[in-house]
């Protein structure tokens, strides 16, 4: 399940396990420090071993896969984009991932500007003049892709670490199709 070689992603939602059974006292929550400790040490080693570009590709693809799986297994709305986004807003807030807001969008081109305040990945980190939420880019792309059935991409255009108070993403169909 976890130790075999593979040439494609094999994650299944069931791999998350029975959290209620496995954590009867601690439950499903952890703190931001623990999440960031895992993400940034993993990112550090990926960069060391494979370089920035490859590490970012891995993080984006992992986020994209997670976004698709989250949409398939957690989000119930399947018909209306506005209702889908409204449900996502509640879920992401309740799970402590961030406060999602669609700031702008064009239903014809399906291009959107999406902001995430209190982002799990970076809110409160020191300023670095960098946009660092590569995993979030993939996660948002995966959410939109799963809902629409089309491949999407997301690119962070503003980040807490670049001096903003929200992370802002340009989300659009891949290759404009």
C-alpha atoms as a PDB file:
ATOM      1  CA  UNK A   1       0.000   0.000   0.000  1.00  0.00           C
ATOM      2  CA  UNK A   2       2.757   2.483   0.868  1.00  0.00           C
ATOM      3  CA  UNK A   3       6.050   0.795   0.029  1.00  0.00           C
ATOM      4  CA  UNK A   4       5.599  -0.519  -3.491  1.00  0.00           C
ATOM      5  CA  UNK A   5       7.153   1.223  -6.474  1.00  0.00           C
ATOM      6  CA  UNK A   6       4.692   2.879  -8.865  1.00  0.00           C
ATOM      7  CA  UNK A   7       4.587   5.013 -11.949  1.00  0.00           C
ATOM      8  CA  UNK A   8       1.240   6.667 -11.212  1.00  0.00           C
ATOM      9  CA  UNK A   9      -0.489   8.009  -8.117  1.00  0.00           C
ATOM     10  CA  UNK A  10      -2.330   5.281  -6.231  1.00  0.00           C
ATOM     11  CA  UNK A  11      -3.804   7.223  -3.324  1.00  0.00           C
ATOM     12  CA  UNK A  12      -7.274   6.130  -2.279  1.00  0.00           C
ATOM     13  CA  UNK A  13      -9.421   7.988   0.224  1.00  0.00           C
ATOM     14  CA  UNK A  14      -9.505   4.856   2.397  1.00  0.00           C
ATOM     15  CA  UNK A  15      -5.776   5.323   3.056  1.00  0.00           C
ATOM     16  CA  UNK A  16      -6.755   8.060   5.516  1.00  0.00           C
ATOM     17  CA  UNK A  17      -8.034   5.274   7.750  1.00  0.00           C
ATOM     18  CA  UNK A  18     -10.735   5.297  10.403  1.00  0.00           C
ATOM     19  CA  UNK A  19      -9.707   8.397  12.317  1.00  0.00           C
ATOM     20  CA  UNK A  20     -12.462   8.065  14.933  1.00  0.00           C
ATOM     21  CA  UNK A  21     -11.384   4.503  15.728  1.00  0.00           C
ATOM     22  CA  UNK A  22      -7.659   5.245  15.619  1.00  0.00           C
ATOM     23  CA  UNK A  23      -7.774   8.514  17.574  1.00  0.00           C
ATOM     24  CA  UNK A  24     -10.612   8.103  20.096  1.00  0.00           C
ATOM     25  CA  UNK A  25      -9.062  10.622  22.504  1.00  0.00           C
ATOM     26  CA  UNK A  26      -7.253  13.091  20.233  1.00  0.00           C
ATOM     27  CA  UNK A  27      -9.817  13.141  17.426  1.00  0.00           C
ATOM     28  CA  UNK A  28      -9.325  14.477  13.891  1.00  0.00           C
ATOM     29  CA  UNK A  29      -7.629  17.801  14.689  1.00  0.00           C
ATOM     30  CA  UNK A  30      -3.999  18.831  14.971  1.00  0.00           C
ATOM     31  CA  UNK A  31      -2.373  22.241  15.057  1.00  0.00           C
ATOM     32  CA  UNK A  32      -0.920  24.371  12.272  1.00  0.00           C
ATOM     33  CA  UNK A  33       2.630  24.020  13.592  1.00  0.00           C
ATOM     34  CA  UNK A  34       2.496  20.238  13.151  1.00  0.00           C
ATOM     35  CA  UNK A  35       1.160  20.523   9.599  1.00  0.00           C
ATOM     36  CA  UNK A  36       3.780  23.102   8.643  1.00  0.00           C
ATOM     37  CA  UNK A  37       6.549  21.079  10.272  1.00  0.00           C
ATOM     38  CA  UNK A  38       5.638  18.160   8.012  1.00  0.00           C
ATOM     39  CA  UNK A  39       5.162  20.246   4.866  1.00  0.00           C
ATOM     40  CA  UNK A  40       8.248  22.415   5.147  1.00  0.00           C
ATOM     41  CA  UNK A  41      10.666  19.678   6.179  1.00  0.00           C
ATOM     42  CA  UNK A  42       9.353  17.573   3.287  1.00  0.00           C
ATOM     43  CA  UNK A  43       9.707  20.551   0.934  1.00  0.00           C
ATOM     44  CA  UNK A  44      13.243  21.188   2.213  1.00  0.00           C
ATOM     45  CA  UNK A  45      14.356  17.625   1.474  1.00  0.00           C
ATOM     46  CA  UNK A  46      12.626  17.606  -1.938  1.00  0.00           C
ATOM     47  CA  UNK A  47      14.465  20.810  -2.885  1.00  0.00           C
ATOM     48  CA  UNK A  48      17.774  19.445  -1.597  1.00  0.00           C
ATOM     49  CA  UNK A  49      17.435  16.161  -3.476  1.00  0.00           C
ATOM     50  CA  UNK A  50      15.623  17.229  -6.653  1.00  0.00           C
ATOM     51  CA  UNK A  51      15.860  21.030  -6.997  1.00  0.00           C
ATOM     52  CA  UNK A  52      13.245  23.762  -6.695  1.00  0.00           C
ATOM     53  CA  UNK A  53      11.468  23.159 -10.013  1.00  0.00           C
ATOM     54  CA  UNK A  54      10.976  19.441  -9.444  1.00  0.00           C
ATOM     55  CA  UNK A  55      10.030  19.929  -5.792  1.00  0.00           C
ATOM     56  CA  UNK A  56       7.395  22.464  -6.811  1.00  0.00           C
ATOM     57  CA  UNK A  57       6.049  20.104  -9.465  1.00  0.00           C
ATOM     58  CA  UNK A  58       5.720  17.336  -6.860  1.00  0.00           C
ATOM     59  CA  UNK A  59       3.975  19.660  -4.392  1.00  0.00           C
ATOM     60  CA  UNK A  60       1.602  20.995  -7.072  1.00  0.00           C
ATOM     61  CA  UNK A  61       0.722  17.495  -8.281  1.00  0.00           C
ATOM     62  CA  UNK A  62       0.177  16.271  -4.720  1.00  0.00           C
ATOM     63  CA  UNK A  63      -2.068  19.265  -4.024  1.00  0.00           C
ATOM     64  CA  UNK A  64      -3.961  18.684  -7.261  1.00  0.00           C
ATOM     65  CA  UNK A  65      -4.515  15.032  -6.379  1.00  0.00           C
ATOM     66  CA  UNK A  66      -5.634  16.038  -2.879  1.00  0.00           C
ATOM     67  CA  UNK A  67      -8.042  18.650  -4.271  1.00  0.00           C
ATOM     68  CA  UNK A  68      -9.659  16.102  -6.570  1.00  0.00           C
ATOM     69  CA  UNK A  69      -9.969  13.547  -3.769  1.00  0.00           C
ATOM     70  CA  UNK A  70     -11.310  16.162  -1.335  1.00  0.00           C
ATOM     71  CA  UNK A  71     -13.922  17.184  -3.887  1.00  0.00           C
ATOM     72  CA  UNK A  72     -14.926  13.573  -4.624  1.00  0.00           C
ATOM     73  CA  UNK A  73     -15.130  12.468  -1.015  1.00  0.00           C
ATOM     74  CA  UNK A  74     -16.085  15.510   1.050  1.00  0.00           C
ATOM     75  CA  UNK A  75     -17.954  18.029  -1.119  1.00  0.00           C
ATOM     76  CA  UNK A  76     -21.575  17.042  -1.779  1.00  0.00           C
ATOM     77  CA  UNK A  77     -22.606  19.748  -4.298  1.00  0.00           C
ATOM     78  CA  UNK A  78     -22.129  18.539  -7.857  1.00  0.00           C
ATOM     79  CA  UNK A  79     -24.358  20.722 -10.051  1.00  0.00           C
ATOM     80  CA  UNK A  80     -24.005  24.468  -9.448  1.00  0.00           C
ATOM     81  CA  UNK A  81     -20.613  26.228  -9.226  1.00  0.00           C
ATOM     82  CA  UNK A  82     -21.876  28.928  -6.851  1.00  0.00           C
ATOM     83  CA  UNK A  83     -23.314  26.304  -4.510  1.00  0.00           C
ATOM     84  CA  UNK A  84     -20.114  24.225  -4.844  1.00  0.00           C
ATOM     85  CA  UNK A  85     -17.989  27.240  -3.853  1.00  0.00           C
ATOM     86  CA  UNK A  86     -20.345  28.064  -0.955  1.00  0.00           C
ATOM     87  CA  UNK A  87     -20.018  24.522   0.359  1.00  0.00           C
ATOM     88  CA  UNK A  88     -16.229  24.651  -0.092  1.00  0.00           C
ATOM     89  CA  UNK A  89     -16.080  27.908   1.881  1.00  0.00           C
ATOM     90  CA  UNK A  90     -17.747  26.246   4.853  1.00  0.00           C
ATOM     91  CA  UNK A  91     -15.691  23.062   4.626  1.00  0.00           C
ATOM     92  CA  UNK A  92     -12.334  24.821   4.293  1.00  0.00           C
ATOM     93  CA  UNK A  93     -13.168  27.119   7.208  1.00  0.00           C
ATOM     94  CA  UNK A  94     -14.442  24.265   9.399  1.00  0.00           C
ATOM     95  CA  UNK A  95     -11.340  22.180   8.697  1.00  0.00           C
ATOM     96  CA  UNK A  96      -9.032  25.121   9.418  1.00  0.00           C
ATOM     97  CA  UNK A  97      -7.585  25.182   5.894  1.00  0.00           C
ATOM     98  CA  UNK A  98      -8.446  28.796   5.164  1.00  0.00           C
ATOM     99  CA  UNK A  99     -11.149  31.329   4.411  1.00  0.00           C
ATOM    100  CA  UNK A 100     -11.981  31.051   0.713  1.00  0.00           C
ATOM    101  CA  UNK A 101     -13.413  33.909  -1.335  1.00  0.00           C
ATOM    102  CA  UNK A 102     -13.945  34.173  -5.077  1.00  0.00           C
ATOM    103  CA  UNK A 103     -13.023  37.788  -5.800  1.00  0.00           C
ATOM    104  CA  UNK A 104     -13.653  37.809  -9.521  1.00  0.00           C
ATOM    105  CA  UNK A 105     -14.757  35.398 -12.178  1.00  0.00           C
ATOM    106  CA  UNK A 106     -15.956  34.958 -15.714  1.00  0.00           C
ATOM    107  CA  UNK A 107     -18.318  31.993 -16.154  1.00  0.00           C
ATOM    108  CA  UNK A 108     -17.766  32.050 -19.939  1.00  0.00           C
ATOM    109  CA  UNK A 109     -13.971  31.724 -19.847  1.00  0.00           C
ATOM    110  CA  UNK A 110     -14.062  29.991 -16.451  1.00  0.00           C
ATOM    111  CA  UNK A 111     -11.226  32.208 -15.233  1.00  0.00           C
ATOM    112  CA  UNK A 112     -11.374  33.158 -11.563  1.00  0.00           C
ATOM    113  CA  UNK A 113      -9.452  35.087  -8.964  1.00  0.00           C
ATOM    114  CA  UNK A 114      -9.649  33.210  -5.681  1.00  0.00           C
ATOM    115  CA  UNK A 115      -8.342  34.473  -2.338  1.00  0.00           C
ATOM    116  CA  UNK A 116      -7.604  32.406   0.749  1.00  0.00           C
ATOM    117  CA  UNK A 117      -7.222  34.274   4.028  1.00  0.00           C
ATOM    118  CA  UNK A 118      -5.634  32.679   7.091  1.00  0.00           C
ATOM    119  CA  UNK A 119      -4.102  30.143   4.737  1.00  0.00           C
ATOM    120  CA  UNK A 120      -2.915  26.956   6.430  1.00  0.00           C
ATOM    121  CA  UNK A 121       0.358  26.971   4.499  1.00  0.00           C
ATOM    122  CA  UNK A 122       1.745  30.431   5.075  1.00  0.00           C
ATOM    123  CA  UNK A 123      -0.290  32.970   7.053  1.00  0.00           C
ATOM    124  CA  UNK A 124       1.983  34.393   9.711  1.00  0.00           C
ATOM    125  CA  UNK A 125       5.265  33.336   8.099  1.00  0.00           C
ATOM    126  CA  UNK A 126       8.024  35.934   7.641  1.00  0.00           C
ATOM    127  CA  UNK A 127       8.013  37.994   4.448  1.00  0.00           C
ATOM    128  CA  UNK A 128      10.284  36.535   1.765  1.00  0.00           C
ATOM    129  CA  UNK A 129       9.170  38.286  -1.447  1.00  0.00           C
ATOM    130  CA  UNK A 130       8.100  34.854  -2.690  1.00  0.00           C
ATOM    131  CA  UNK A 131       4.802  33.165  -3.425  1.00  0.00           C
ATOM    132  CA  UNK A 132       5.192  29.796  -1.716  1.00  0.00           C
ATOM    133  CA  UNK A 133       1.789  28.105  -1.722  1.00  0.00           C
ATOM    134  CA  UNK A 134       2.525  25.595  -4.470  1.00  0.00           C
ATOM    135  CA  UNK A 135       0.541  22.821  -2.772  1.00  0.00           C
ATOM    136  CA  UNK A 136      -2.451  25.184  -2.547  1.00  0.00           C
ATOM    137  CA  UNK A 137      -2.137  25.971  -6.260  1.00  0.00           C
ATOM    138  CA  UNK A 138      -2.523  22.285  -6.987  1.00  0.00           C
ATOM    139  CA  UNK A 139      -5.327  21.865  -4.448  1.00  0.00           C
ATOM    140  CA  UNK A 140      -7.397  24.637  -6.036  1.00  0.00           C
ATOM    141  CA  UNK A 141      -6.682  23.316  -9.542  1.00  0.00           C
ATOM    142  CA  UNK A 142      -7.834  19.875  -8.398  1.00  0.00           C
ATOM    143  CA  UNK A 143     -11.041  21.230  -6.863  1.00  0.00           C
ATOM    144  CA  UNK A 144     -11.998  23.125 -10.018  1.00  0.00           C
ATOM    145  CA  UNK A 145     -10.943  20.235 -12.275  1.00  0.00           C
ATOM    146  CA  UNK A 146     -12.998  17.709 -10.376  1.00  0.00           C
ATOM    147  CA  UNK A 147     -16.095  19.906 -10.326  1.00  0.00           C
ATOM    148  CA  UNK A 148     -15.978  20.854 -14.019  1.00  0.00           C
ATOM    149  CA  UNK A 149     -14.512  17.703 -15.526  1.00  0.00           C
ATOM    150  CA  UNK A 150     -11.910  19.887 -17.270  1.00  0.00           C
ATOM    151  CA  UNK A 151      -8.242  20.296 -16.374  1.00  0.00           C
ATOM    152  CA  UNK A 152      -7.528  23.519 -14.507  1.00  0.00           C
ATOM    153  CA  UNK A 153      -4.419  25.266 -13.366  1.00  0.00           C
ATOM    154  CA  UNK A 154      -3.951  27.731 -10.520  1.00  0.00           C
ATOM    155  CA  UNK A 155      -1.092  30.162 -10.047  1.00  0.00           C
ATOM    156  CA  UNK A 156      -0.497  32.120  -6.885  1.00  0.00           C
ATOM    157  CA  UNK A 157      -0.226  35.824  -7.694  1.00  0.00           C
ATOM    158  CA  UNK A 158      -0.147  37.208  -4.130  1.00  0.00           C
ATOM    159  CA  UNK A 159       0.998  35.498  -0.942  1.00  0.00           C
ATOM    160  CA  UNK A 160       1.296  36.311   2.741  1.00  0.00           C
ATOM    161  CA  UNK A 161       5.037  35.774   2.287  1.00  0.00           C
ATOM    162  CA  UNK A 162       5.194  38.327  -0.529  1.00  0.00           C
ATOM    163  CA  UNK A 163       3.660  40.956   1.749  1.00  0.00           C
ATOM    164  CA  UNK A 164      -0.073  40.420   1.213  1.00  0.00           C
ATOM    165  CA  UNK A 165      -2.532  39.499   3.926  1.00  0.00           C
ATOM    166  CA  UNK A 166      -4.235  36.848   1.781  1.00  0.00           C
ATOM    167  CA  UNK A 167      -3.053  34.319  -0.749  1.00  0.00           C
ATOM    168  CA  UNK A 168      -4.546  35.088  -4.144  1.00  0.00           C
ATOM    169  CA  UNK A 169      -4.709  32.682  -7.065  1.00  0.00           C
ATOM    170  CA  UNK A 170      -5.494  32.976 -10.765  1.00  0.00           C
ATOM    171  CA  UNK A 171      -7.516  29.854 -11.575  1.00  0.00           C
ATOM    172  CA  UNK A 172      -8.297  28.962 -15.179  1.00  0.00           C
ATOM    173  CA  UNK A 173      -8.682  26.025 -17.561  1.00  0.00           C
ATOM    174  CA  UNK A 174      -5.410  24.552 -18.780  1.00  0.00           C
ATOM    175  CA  UNK A 175      -4.519  25.599 -22.301  1.00  0.00           C
ATOM    176  CA  UNK A 176      -7.548  27.908 -22.363  1.00  0.00           C
ATOM    177  CA  UNK A 177      -9.823  24.992 -23.253  1.00  0.00           C
END
